[in-house]
Amino acid sequence: MIESLMPQTWHVFLPGVLCGAILMAVSGAAWVVYKSKSILSPEQAAYDDCLKSGRTIRDCAATLRTQVRHGFDRRQGEKAMEAFEKAIKEEVEKRLSSGASKREVVQWAKQNAFVGKGLSDAVGISLKDIEDDNTEC
């Protein structure tokens, strides 16, 4: 009796197993992706960003401990950096409009440790050229 049922149900059983395996694989992959993209705390995100930048585990751990100890908020730091870049850009534009050459402005900025994206944008010279002192005017 089983032999008479086997040929009829075998063609239904295999596609069912295949569909079940596909469903399990898709749901398992979705669960893994969802869990891996869970919301990180700001400290974990800062640590991950530090590691992605190529620094060592020891450096990143020390940086994170210092930031936590002093109550450093990452968003405040980003806002402060944006304000600093904006101030650099305004000062450079003011000096350029007063008649100073790009080379003079870059030298002044380097002496005052104002090298950054704001300086690069305002002067129109790439940051790499500024750092390499290739300021042709």
Foldseek 3Di string as FASTA:
>chain_A
DVVVVCVVCVVVVVVVVVVVVVVVVVVVVVVVVPVVPPDDDPLVVQLVVVVVVPDDNVVSVVVSVVCVVVVPDPVVVVVVVVVLLVVLLVVLLVVVVVPDALLVSLVVCVVVVNQDPSNCVNSVHDSVCSVVVVDDD
